[in-house]
Every structure is written in structure tokens, then in C-alpha cells.
C-alpha atoms as a PDB file:
ATOM      1  CA  UNK A   1       0.122  -0.126   0.018  1.00  0.00           C
ATOM      2  CA  UNK A   2       1.286   3.335  -0.547  1.00  0.00           C
ATOM      3  CA  UNK A   3       1.936   5.558   1.984  1.00  0.00           C
ATOM      4  CA  UNK A   4      -0.025   8.758   0.805  1.00  0.00           C
ATOM      5  CA  UNK A   5      -2.889   9.577  -1.565  1.00  0.00           C
ATOM      6  CA  UNK A   6      -4.024  12.889  -2.307  1.00  0.00           C
ATOM      7  CA  UNK A   7      -7.356  13.184  -4.725  1.00  0.00           C
ATOM      8  CA  UNK A   8      -6.607  15.674  -7.047  1.00  0.00           C
ATOM      9  CA  UNK A   9     -10.234  17.292  -8.593  1.00  0.00           C
ATOM     10  CA  UNK A  10     -10.883  17.602 -12.184  1.00  0.00           C
ATOM     11  CA  UNK A  11     -10.909  21.545 -12.833  1.00  0.00           C
ATOM     12  CA  UNK A  12     -13.580  20.963 -16.041  1.00  0.00           C
ATOM     13  CA  UNK A  13     -15.745  19.249 -13.610  1.00  0.00           C
ATOM     14  CA  UNK A  14     -15.227  20.629 -10.567  1.00  0.00           C
ATOM     15  CA  UNK A  15     -15.003  24.467  -9.244  1.00  0.00           C
ATOM     16  CA  UNK A  16     -11.888  24.726  -7.240  1.00  0.00           C
ATOM     17  CA  UNK A  17     -12.317  27.443  -4.830  1.00  0.00           C
ATOM     18  CA  UNK A  18      -9.331  27.497  -3.046  1.00  0.00           C
ATOM     19  CA  UNK A  19      -5.975  25.377  -3.311  1.00  0.00           C
ATOM     20  CA  UNK A  20      -2.564  24.837  -1.743  1.00  0.00           C
ATOM     21  CA  UNK A  21       0.180  24.099  -3.651  1.00  0.00           C
ATOM     22  CA  UNK A  22       3.276  22.472  -1.241  1.00  0.00           C
ATOM     23  CA  UNK A  23       2.352  24.317   1.833  1.00  0.00           C
ATOM     24  CA  UNK A  24       4.409  23.779   4.806  1.00  0.00           C
ATOM     25  CA  UNK A  25       4.529  25.225   8.068  1.00  0.00           C
ATOM     26  CA  UNK A  26       7.376  25.890  10.408  1.00  0.00           C
ATOM     27  CA  UNK A  27       6.944  27.114  13.878  1.00  0.00           C
ATOM     28  CA  UNK A  28      10.834  28.251  14.322  1.00  0.00           C
ATOM     29  CA  UNK A  29      13.158  25.241  13.424  1.00  0.00           C
ATOM     30  CA  UNK A  30      10.195  22.394  13.752  1.00  0.00           C
ATOM     31  CA  UNK A  31       8.597  21.504  10.927  1.00  0.00           C
ATOM     32  CA  UNK A  32       4.713  21.559  11.875  1.00  0.00           C
ATOM     33  CA  UNK A  33       3.160  20.498   8.488  1.00  0.00           C
ATOM     34  CA  UNK A  34       5.060  18.611   5.736  1.00  0.00           C
ATOM     35  CA  UNK A  35       4.349  20.300   2.136  1.00  0.00           C
ATOM     36  CA  UNK A  36       0.641  20.022   1.335  1.00  0.00           C
ATOM     37  CA  UNK A  37      -1.027  20.150  -1.721  1.00  0.00           C
ATOM     38  CA  UNK A  38      -4.787  19.808  -1.767  1.00  0.00           C
ATOM     39  CA  UNK A  39      -7.967  21.211  -3.931  1.00  0.00           C
ATOM     40  CA  UNK A  40     -11.325  22.477  -2.531  1.00  0.00           C
ATOM     41  CA  UNK A  41     -13.911  22.465  -4.426  1.00  0.00           C
ATOM     42  CA  UNK A  42     -16.606  25.262  -4.217  1.00  0.00           C
ATOM     43  CA  UNK A  43     -20.039  24.825  -2.279  1.00  0.00           C
ATOM     44  CA  UNK A  44     -18.486  22.160  -0.530  1.00  0.00           C
ATOM     45  CA  UNK A  45     -17.841  21.040   2.647  1.00  0.00           C
ATOM     46  CA  UNK A  46     -14.127  19.495   3.758  1.00  0.00           C
ATOM     47  CA  UNK A  47     -13.397  17.762   7.008  1.00  0.00           C
ATOM     48  CA  UNK A  48      -9.836  17.744   7.820  1.00  0.00           C
ATOM     49  CA  UNK A  49      -9.624  14.900  10.680  1.00  0.00           C
ATOM     50  CA  UNK A  50      -6.547  13.276  12.773  1.00  0.00           C
ATOM     51  CA  UNK A  51      -5.611  12.984  16.323  1.00  0.00           C
ATOM     52  CA  UNK A  52      -4.284  16.339  18.307  1.00  0.00           C
ATOM     53  CA  UNK A  53      -1.031  17.534  16.938  1.00  0.00           C
ATOM     54  CA  UNK A  54      -1.677  16.012  13.541  1.00  0.00           C
ATOM     55  CA  UNK A  55      -1.363  19.535  11.674  1.00  0.00           C
ATOM     56  CA  UNK A  56      -5.071  19.723  10.067  1.00  0.00           C
ATOM     57  CA  UNK A  57      -5.532  22.887  12.677  1.00  0.00           C
ATOM     58  CA  UNK A  58      -1.841  24.328  11.344  1.00  0.00           C
ATOM     59  CA  UNK A  59      -3.191  23.999   7.794  1.00  0.00           C
ATOM     60  CA  UNK A  60      -6.241  25.312   8.315  1.00  0.00           C
ATOM     61  CA  UNK A  61      -4.830  28.458   9.879  1.00  0.00           C
ATOM     62  CA  UNK A  62      -2.436  28.574   7.152  1.00  0.00           C
ATOM     63  CA  UNK A  63      -5.536  29.032   4.656  1.00  0.00           C
ATOM     64  CA  UNK A  64      -6.294  32.654   5.879  1.00  0.00           C
ATOM     65  CA  UNK A  65      -2.909  33.532   7.360  1.00  0.00           C
ATOM     66  CA  UNK A  66      -3.922  33.150  11.048  1.00  0.00           C
ATOM     67  CA  UNK A  67      -0.352  31.699  11.611  1.00  0.00           C
ATOM     68  CA  UNK A  68       0.901  35.254  10.774  1.00  0.00           C
ATOM     69  CA  UNK A  69      -0.177  35.926  14.596  1.00  0.00           C
ATOM     70  CA  UNK A  70       2.053  32.922  15.801  1.00  0.00           C
ATOM     71  CA  UNK A  71       5.675  34.103  17.097  1.00  0.00           C
ATOM     72  CA  UNK A  72       8.252  32.066  15.191  1.00  0.00           C
ATOM     73  CA  UNK A  73       5.976  30.592  12.219  1.00  0.00           C
ATOM     74  CA  UNK A  74       6.795  30.611   8.467  1.00  0.00           C
ATOM     75  CA  UNK A  75       4.793  29.428   6.164  1.00  0.00           C
ATOM     76  CA  UNK A  76       6.174  28.394   2.916  1.00  0.00           C
ATOM     77  CA  UNK A  77       4.604  27.494  -0.328  1.00  0.00           C
ATOM     78  CA  UNK A  78       1.704  28.568  -2.482  1.00  0.00           C
ATOM     79  CA  UNK A  79      -2.350  29.325  -1.293  1.00  0.00           C
ATOM     80  CA  UNK A  80      -4.451  29.918  -4.610  1.00  0.00           C
ATOM     81  CA  UNK A  81      -7.605  31.885  -3.841  1.00  0.00           C
ATOM     82  CA  UNK A  82      -9.132  33.403  -7.369  1.00  0.00           C
ATOM     83  CA  UNK A  83      -6.006  33.273  -9.093  1.00  0.00           C
ATOM     84  CA  UNK A  84      -3.735  35.093  -6.439  1.00  0.00           C
ATOM     85  CA  UNK A  85      -1.096  33.545  -4.550  1.00  0.00           C
ATOM     86  CA  UNK A  86      -2.505  35.047  -0.680  1.00  0.00           C
ATOM     87  CA  UNK A  87       0.836  33.793   1.029  1.00  0.00           C
ATOM     88  CA  UNK A  88       2.867  36.049  -0.589  1.00  0.00           C
ATOM     89  CA  UNK A  89       4.159  39.067   1.557  1.00  0.00           C
ATOM     90  CA  UNK A  90       2.219  42.333  -0.721  1.00  0.00           C
ATOM     91  CA  UNK A  91      -1.092  40.789   0.144  1.00  0.00           C
ATOM     92  CA  UNK A  92      -3.398  42.641   2.494  1.00  0.00           C
ATOM     93  CA  UNK A  93      -4.313  40.149   4.934  1.00  0.00           C
ATOM     94  CA  UNK A  94      -7.247  41.612   6.619  1.00  0.00           C
ATOM     95  CA  UNK A  95      -8.586  42.071   2.667  1.00  0.00           C
ATOM     96  CA  UNK A  96      -8.174  38.229   2.333  1.00  0.00           C
ATOM     97  CA  UNK A  97      -9.945  38.035   5.410  1.00  0.00           C
ATOM     98  CA  UNK A  98     -12.611  39.246   4.785  1.00  0.00           C
ATOM     99  CA  UNK A  99     -13.087  36.552   2.105  1.00  0.00           C
ATOM    100  CA  UNK A 100     -11.742  33.423   3.626  1.00  0.00           C
ATOM    101  CA  UNK A 101     -13.994  33.944   7.365  1.00  0.00           C
ATOM    102  CA  UNK A 102     -13.156  31.856  10.361  1.00  0.00           C
ATOM    103  CA  UNK A 103     -15.028  30.326  13.279  1.00  0.00           C
ATOM    104  CA  UNK A 104     -12.991  29.233  16.164  1.00  0.00           C
ATOM    105  CA  UNK A 105     -13.031  26.608  18.682  1.00  0.00           C
ATOM    106  CA  UNK A 106     -14.494  28.183  21.580  1.00  0.00           C
ATOM    107  CA  UNK A 107     -17.237  30.322  20.677  1.00  0.00           C
ATOM    108  CA  UNK A 108     -16.049  33.987  21.105  1.00  0.00           C
ATOM    109  CA  UNK A 109     -18.766  36.473  20.743  1.00  0.00           C
ATOM    110  CA  UNK A 110     -17.780  40.341  21.364  1.00  0.00           C
ATOM    111  CA  UNK A 111     -18.832  41.664  25.075  1.00  0.00           C
ATOM    112  CA  UNK A 112     -21.588  43.539  22.851  1.00  0.00           C
ATOM    113  CA  UNK A 113     -25.382  43.360  21.736  1.00  0.00           C
ATOM    114  CA  UNK A 114     -26.692  40.643  19.268  1.00  0.00           C
ATOM    115  CA  UNK A 115     -26.708  43.197  16.757  1.00  0.00           C
ATOM    116  CA  UNK A 116     -23.414  45.037  17.182  1.00  0.00           C
ATOM    117  CA  UNK A 117     -21.790  41.689  17.272  1.00  0.00           C
ATOM    118  CA  UNK A 118     -22.821  41.590  13.681  1.00  0.00           C
ATOM    119  CA  UNK A 119     -22.380  45.025  12.471  1.00  0.00           C
ATOM    120  CA  UNK A 120     -19.440  46.228  14.149  1.00  0.00           C
ATOM    121  CA  UNK A 121     -17.193  45.224  11.273  1.00  0.00           C
ATOM    122  CA  UNK A 122     -19.424  46.045   8.735  1.00  0.00           C
ATOM    123  CA  UNK A 123     -19.371  49.628  10.298  1.00  0.00           C
ATOM    124  CA  UNK A 124     -16.143  49.862  10.516  1.00  0.00           C
ATOM    125  CA  UNK A 125     -15.645  48.756   6.866  1.00  0.00           C
ATOM    126  CA  UNK A 126     -17.703  51.895   6.131  1.00  0.00           C
ATOM    127  CA  UNK A 127     -21.105  50.773   6.326  1.00  0.00           C
ATOM    128  CA  UNK A 128     -23.881  53.171   7.861  1.00  0.00           C
ATOM    129  CA  UNK A 129     -26.869  52.449   6.376  1.00  0.00           C
ATOM    130  CA  UNK A 130     -29.521  51.614   9.196  1.00  0.00           C
ATOM    131  CA  UNK A 131     -32.150  49.565   6.617  1.00  0.00           C
ATOM    132  CA  UNK A 132     -29.112  47.579   4.974  1.00  0.00           C
ATOM    133  CA  UNK A 133     -27.465  46.983   8.455  1.00  0.00           C
ATOM    134  CA  UNK A 134     -31.325  45.358   9.823  1.00  0.00           C
ATOM    135  CA  UNK A 135     -30.945  43.366   6.329  1.00  0.00           C
ATOM    136  CA  UNK A 136     -27.720  41.909   6.860  1.00  0.00           C
ATOM    137  CA  UNK A 137     -28.445  40.824  10.608  1.00  0.00           C
ATOM    138  CA  UNK A 138     -31.861  39.438   9.755  1.00  0.00           C
ATOM    139  CA  UNK A 139     -30.226  37.407   7.209  1.00  0.00           C
ATOM    140  CA  UNK A 140     -27.246  36.119   8.794  1.00  0.00           C
ATOM    141  CA  UNK A 141     -28.888  35.096  11.915  1.00  0.00           C
ATOM    142  CA  UNK A 142     -31.649  33.248   9.384  1.00  0.00           C
ATOM    143  CA  UNK A 143     -28.742  31.419   7.474  1.00  0.00           C
ATOM    144  CA  UNK A 144     -26.903  30.436  11.239  1.00  0.00           C
ATOM    145  CA  UNK A 145     -30.324  28.949  12.561  1.00  0.00           C
ATOM    146  CA  UNK A 146     -30.319  31.859  14.960  1.00  0.00           C
ATOM    147  CA  UNK A 147     -33.067  34.298  14.135  1.00  0.00           C
ATOM    148  CA  UNK A 148     -36.471  32.687  15.452  1.00  0.00           C
ATOM    149  CA  UNK A 149     -34.328  32.420  19.236  1.00  0.00           C
ATOM    150  CA  UNK A 150     -33.134  36.076  19.295  1.00  0.00           C
ATOM    151  CA  UNK A 151     -35.276  38.196  16.766  1.00  0.00           C
ATOM    152  CA  UNK A 152     -37.061  39.887  20.549  1.00  0.00           C
ATOM    153  CA  UNK A 153     -33.642  40.479  21.985  1.00  0.00           C
ATOM    154  CA  UNK A 154     -31.255  41.778  19.624  1.00  0.00           C
ATOM    155  CA  UNK A 155     -29.900  44.590  21.746  1.00  0.00           C
ATOM    156  CA  UNK A 156     -29.425  42.111  24.774  1.00  0.00           C
ATOM    157  CA  UNK A 157     -25.863  40.937  25.567  1.00  0.00           C
ATOM    158  CA  UNK A 158     -24.809  38.099  23.693  1.00  0.00           C
ATOM    159  CA  UNK A 159     -22.610  36.815  26.489  1.00  0.00           C
ATOM    160  CA  UNK A 160     -26.257  35.789  27.830  1.00  0.00           C
ATOM    161  CA  UNK A 161     -26.709  33.318  25.205  1.00  0.00           C
ATOM    162  CA  UNK A 162     -25.902  29.906  25.636  1.00  0.00           C
ATOM    163  CA  UNK A 163     -23.009  28.385  24.473  1.00  0.00           C
ATOM    164  CA  UNK A 164     -23.981  26.970  21.377  1.00  0.00           C
ATOM    165  CA  UNK A 165     -26.545  29.933  20.396  1.00  0.00           C
ATOM    166  CA  UNK A 166     -22.690  31.909  21.018  1.00  0.00           C
ATOM    167  CA  UNK A 167     -21.413  29.571  18.361  1.00  0.00           C
ATOM    168  CA  UNK A 168     -24.270  30.431  15.828  1.00  0.00           C
ATOM    169  CA  UNK A 169     -23.958  34.015  16.229  1.00  0.00           C
ATOM    170  CA  UNK A 170     -20.222  33.878  15.614  1.00  0.00           C
ATOM    171  CA  UNK A 171     -21.230  32.086  12.363  1.00  0.00           C
ATOM    172  CA  UNK A 172     -23.243  34.945  11.544  1.00  0.00           C
ATOM    173  CA  UNK A 173     -20.977  37.288  12.747  1.00  0.00           C
ATOM    174  CA  UNK A 174     -18.534  35.681  10.150  1.00  0.00           C
ATOM    175  CA  UNK A 175     -20.878  35.323   7.037  1.00  0.00           C
ATOM    176  CA  UNK A 176     -21.739  38.841   7.708  1.00  0.00           C
ATOM    177  CA  UNK A 177     -18.500  39.819   5.992  1.00  0.00           C
ATOM    178  CA  UNK A 178     -19.685  37.868   2.933  1.00  0.00           C
ATOM    179  CA  UNK A 179     -16.815  35.427   2.583  1.00  0.00           C
ATOM    180  CA  UNK A 180     -16.298  33.289  -0.213  1.00  0.00           C
ATOM    181  CA  UNK A 181     -14.865  30.532   1.691  1.00  0.00           C
ATOM    182  CA  UNK A 182     -15.529  29.771   5.883  1.00  0.00           C
ATOM    183  CA  UNK A 183     -13.100  28.027   8.257  1.00  0.00           C
ATOM    184  CA  UNK A 184     -14.227  26.311  11.376  1.00  0.00           C
ATOM    185  CA  UNK A 185     -11.993  24.854  13.885  1.00  0.00           C
ATOM    186  CA  UNK A 186     -13.796  22.497  15.592  1.00  0.00           C
ATOM    187  CA  UNK A 187     -16.602  24.746  16.176  1.00  0.00           C
ATOM    188  CA  UNK A 188     -18.875  22.274  18.037  1.00  0.00           C
ATOM    189  CA  UNK A 189     -15.859  20.843  20.653  1.00  0.00           C
ATOM    190  CA  UNK A 190     -17.455  22.287  23.199  1.00  0.00           C
ATOM    191  CA  UNK A 191     -20.883  22.078  22.905  1.00  0.00           C
ATOM    192  CA  UNK A 192     -23.777  19.737  24.114  1.00  0.00           C
ATOM    193  CA  UNK A 193     -24.843  16.836  21.275  1.00  0.00           C
ATOM    194  CA  UNK A 194     -27.824  19.088  20.593  1.00  0.00           C
ATOM    195  CA  UNK A 195     -26.131  22.184  20.038  1.00  0.00           C
ATOM    196  CA  UNK A 196     -23.497  20.134  18.123  1.00  0.00           C
ATOM    197  CA  UNK A 197     -26.694  18.986  15.611  1.00  0.00           C
ATOM    198  CA  UNK A 198     -27.898  22.714  15.231  1.00  0.00           C
ATOM    199  CA  UNK A 199     -23.977  23.803  14.261  1.00  0.00           C
ATOM    200  CA  UNK A 200     -24.230  20.564  11.814  1.00  0.00           C
ATOM    201  CA  UNK A 201     -27.862  21.386  10.334  1.00  0.00           C
ATOM    202  CA  UNK A 202     -26.186  25.226   9.979  1.00  0.00           C
ATOM    203  CA  UNK A 203     -23.232  24.042   7.880  1.00  0.00           C
ATOM    204  CA  UNK A 204     -25.551  22.038   5.632  1.00  0.00           C
ATOM    205  CA  UNK A 205     -27.653  25.018   4.933  1.00  0.00           C
ATOM    206  CA  UNK A 206     -24.343  27.058   4.329  1.00  0.00           C
ATOM    207  CA  UNK A 207     -22.784  25.050   1.611  1.00  0.00           C
ATOM    208  CA  UNK A 208     -25.007  26.601  -0.627  1.00  0.00           C
ATOM    209  CA  UNK A 209     -23.565  29.731  -0.844  1.00  0.00           C
ATOM    210  CA  UNK A 210     -20.359  28.975   1.167  1.00  0.00           C
ATOM    211  CA  UNK A 211     -17.327  26.786   0.652  1.00  0.00           C
ATOM    212  CA  UNK A 212     -16.305  25.283   4.251  1.00  0.00           C
ATOM    213  CA  UNK A 213     -13.270  23.568   5.626  1.00  0.00           C
ATOM    214  CA  UNK A 214     -14.127  22.248   9.048  1.00  0.00           C
ATOM    215  CA  UNK A 215     -11.423  20.755  11.582  1.00  0.00           C
ATOM    216  CA  UNK A 216     -12.987  18.216  13.935  1.00  0.00           C
ATOM    217  CA  UNK A 217     -12.104  15.282  16.201  1.00  0.00           C
ATOM    218  CA  UNK A 218     -15.055  14.067  15.180  1.00  0.00           C
ATOM    219  CA  UNK A 219     -15.130  11.218  13.031  1.00  0.00           C
ATOM    220  CA  UNK A 220     -18.759  11.107  12.883  1.00  0.00           C
ATOM    221  CA  UNK A 221     -19.179  14.738  12.217  1.00  0.00           C
ATOM    222  CA  UNK A 222     -16.987  14.292   9.424  1.00  0.00           C
ATOM    223  CA  UNK A 223     -18.942  11.496   8.036  1.00  0.00           C
ATOM    224  CA  UNK A 224     -22.278  13.047   8.304  1.00  0.00           C
ATOM    225  CA  UNK A 225     -21.360  17.061   7.221  1.00  0.00           C
ATOM    226  CA  UNK A 226     -18.645  16.740   4.662  1.00  0.00           C
ATOM    227  CA  UNK A 227     -18.296  15.655   0.754  1.00  0.00           C
ATOM    228  CA  UNK A 228     -14.696  15.779   1.354  1.00  0.00           C
ATOM    229  CA  UNK A 229     -12.339  14.454   4.035  1.00  0.00           C
ATOM    230  CA  UNK A 230      -8.417  14.861   4.693  1.00  0.00           C
ATOM    231  CA  UNK A 231      -6.667  12.658   7.241  1.00  0.00           C
ATOM    232  CA  UNK A 232      -3.483  14.074   8.683  1.00  0.00           C
ATOM    233  CA  UNK A 233      -1.084  12.452  10.887  1.00  0.00           C
ATOM    234  CA  UNK A 234       2.151  13.941  12.490  1.00  0.00           C
ATOM    235  CA  UNK A 235       1.979  16.679  10.505  1.00  0.00           C
ATOM    236  CA  UNK A 236       1.488  15.059   7.248  1.00  0.00           C
ATOM    237  CA  UNK A 237      -1.603  15.490   4.928  1.00  0.00           C
ATOM    238  CA  UNK A 238      -2.076  11.314   4.276  1.00  0.00           C
ATOM    239  CA  UNK A 239      -5.041  11.013   2.370  1.00  0.00           C
ATOM    240  CA  UNK A 240      -7.191  12.999   1.169  1.00  0.00           C
ATOM    241  CA  UNK A 241     -10.815  11.817  -0.991  1.00  0.00           C
ATOM    242  CA  UNK A 242     -14.273  11.887  -0.932  1.00  0.00           C
ATOM    243  CA  UNK A 243     -15.997  11.302   2.597  1.00  0.00           C
ATOM    244  CA  UNK A 244     -17.395   8.105   1.772  1.00  0.00           C
ATOM    245  CA  UNK A 245     -14.071   6.679   0.317  1.00  0.00           C
ATOM    246  CA  UNK A 246     -12.273   7.719   3.563  1.00  0.00           C
ATOM    247  CA  UNK A 247     -14.594   6.042   5.391  1.00  0.00           C
ATOM    248  CA  UNK A 248     -15.832   3.042   3.844  1.00  0.00           C
ATOM    249  CA  UNK A 249     -12.445   1.834   1.660  1.00  0.00           C
ATOM    250  CA  UNK A 250      -9.734   4.233   2.416  1.00  0.00           C
ATOM    251  CA  UNK A 251      -6.431   3.519   0.128  1.00  0.00           C
ATOM    252  CA  UNK A 252      -4.378   4.184   2.974  1.00  0.00           C
ATOM    253  CA  UNK A 253      -3.379   1.465   5.516  1.00  0.00           C
ATOM    254  CA  UNK A 254      -2.769   4.184   8.276  1.00  0.00           C
ATOM    255  CA  UNK A 255      -6.210   5.966   7.550  1.00  0.00           C
ATOM    256  CA  UNK A 256      -8.104   2.575   7.653  1.00  0.00           C
ATOM    257  CA  UNK A 257      -6.301   2.147  11.355  1.00  0.00           C
ATOM    258  CA  UNK A 258      -7.471   5.553  12.418  1.00  0.00           C
ATOM    259  CA  UNK A 259     -11.307   5.400  10.893  1.00  0.00           C
ATOM    260  CA  UNK A 260     -11.552   1.951  12.422  1.00  0.00           C
ATOM    261  CA  UNK A 261     -10.284   2.592  15.717  1.00  0.00           C
ATOM    262  CA  UNK A 262      -7.564   0.657  15.617  1.00  0.00           C
ATOM    263  CA  UNK A 263      -4.886   3.457  15.588  1.00  0.00           C
ATOM    264  CA  UNK A 264      -1.449   3.930  17.703  1.00  0.00           C
END
């Protein structure tokens, strides 16, 4: 058996939202991620799975330059989005993050009202029309499956929401900027099963309009929500394929061992 299999998508049949070419991440001298080349199909969900420290979150964070915030981190290789290598030094990182949004592991709403959580960044980017802001608040909260629960409490503190509601508010806040790609780093790991199910339903609804790349430690979640899955191990993308193939007939023995629970 080979030691690596990475699916290559036919760009004539699949629209590619973004791709990486030989992306490599170092923390100081330590190589945290070996050269990784991968394509992400538009309006699909791709899950990144693997044990803690396998490199999946490191890879995800490189996709919108979040590793730039880590002292001593360096990212080599190409990250191609809309024909541009966004890993180049002259790229406007803040502009990039408008197009490639991110939702983090733990809900991190601002200490502001529900309404202001969504409009804060929009106002900072010059949007002042209240009708337009109101419309975006309603639309994004509906997309995040939260509108019916909070529509009468938009001026209340976001911190009064439950953990699952806070995470869906963070999703609404991220999509208010109308990104093209949405990165999600274990968005349900701190939530109870009902809240997790709500987040998964939200993701499935969102993929009509967004390309979603999610890191998850929950293999059942990956199998439920994603179209493609990549398995990472020890800083290496071992296998990337359609999700059903990863979970039923993987090409790599290491992947087979991991998804069947015989790992380590």
C-alpha cells in the first residue's frame, strides 16, 4: 500500500474555490506541517481529521494567514485563491480575511449586543445605512439558524446566550462580511450534542452559498456533514478523498486504522 494519497480534482468538472501547493509550516526550526497540496471544491464541505498535533489546525490556519499571528511561525508554498497566491508578502491580509472567514473552537462573541456583534465589522468598513445593516443582521442570523430565537432580543448582550447560540452568532458574524470560504476550527467541540446537531444543520444549509473547510476531532461529524475528508498524521496530509471513500474504503492503511479505531 502507498503511504500517501491526495485526490486531484478535475477543474473541468469541479469548480475549485481555493488550493494549496506545497504548503509547509514551521514554528521556529520545527516543521509542523510537511508540504501539502490540496484542492477545495466550491460549495462543498471538506473535513480535516486526525489526532491532536497531527497538523490539521495548523494547515487550516494557514489558509487565511492566521499563522502570521503566531510568533516564530513561517509558512512556505502557495495558497491560491481566485488566481492569487495569498501567501505572498504583498497581500493585504485583512482584505483576504474578508473573503476567507473563520469560526474558532470556542465561541468568542464580543461583549456587545447581539446586533452589534454582527454589525461591528461592517460599520468599521464604512457601512452606515441602518436598513442595510438590519437586513444583514436578519439574513445572517437566519442563515445561522438563530433568528427565531433572538429576533426579539437583538439589543441584549451576546454573552447571555447559551454556548451553542453564541457559536451560531459567531458564524453569523463571520458570514456578515460575505466571505467566499468559511474556515471552522472544531466549532462544536465545546458544545453539547443538541447544540452540535444545530451547528451541523447550519453548516449543511450554509454550503449552498459558502465553501466550508472544517477541522473536527469527531469522525462521525465528518462523515455526516462533509463531501471530502483529509486525514492528517504527524504533520502530514496522509489521505484526501471523497468522504464516503475515506470511511468505507480508504487507500492508505494508516487511514484505515484511524477511522476504524485501531490507531496507535
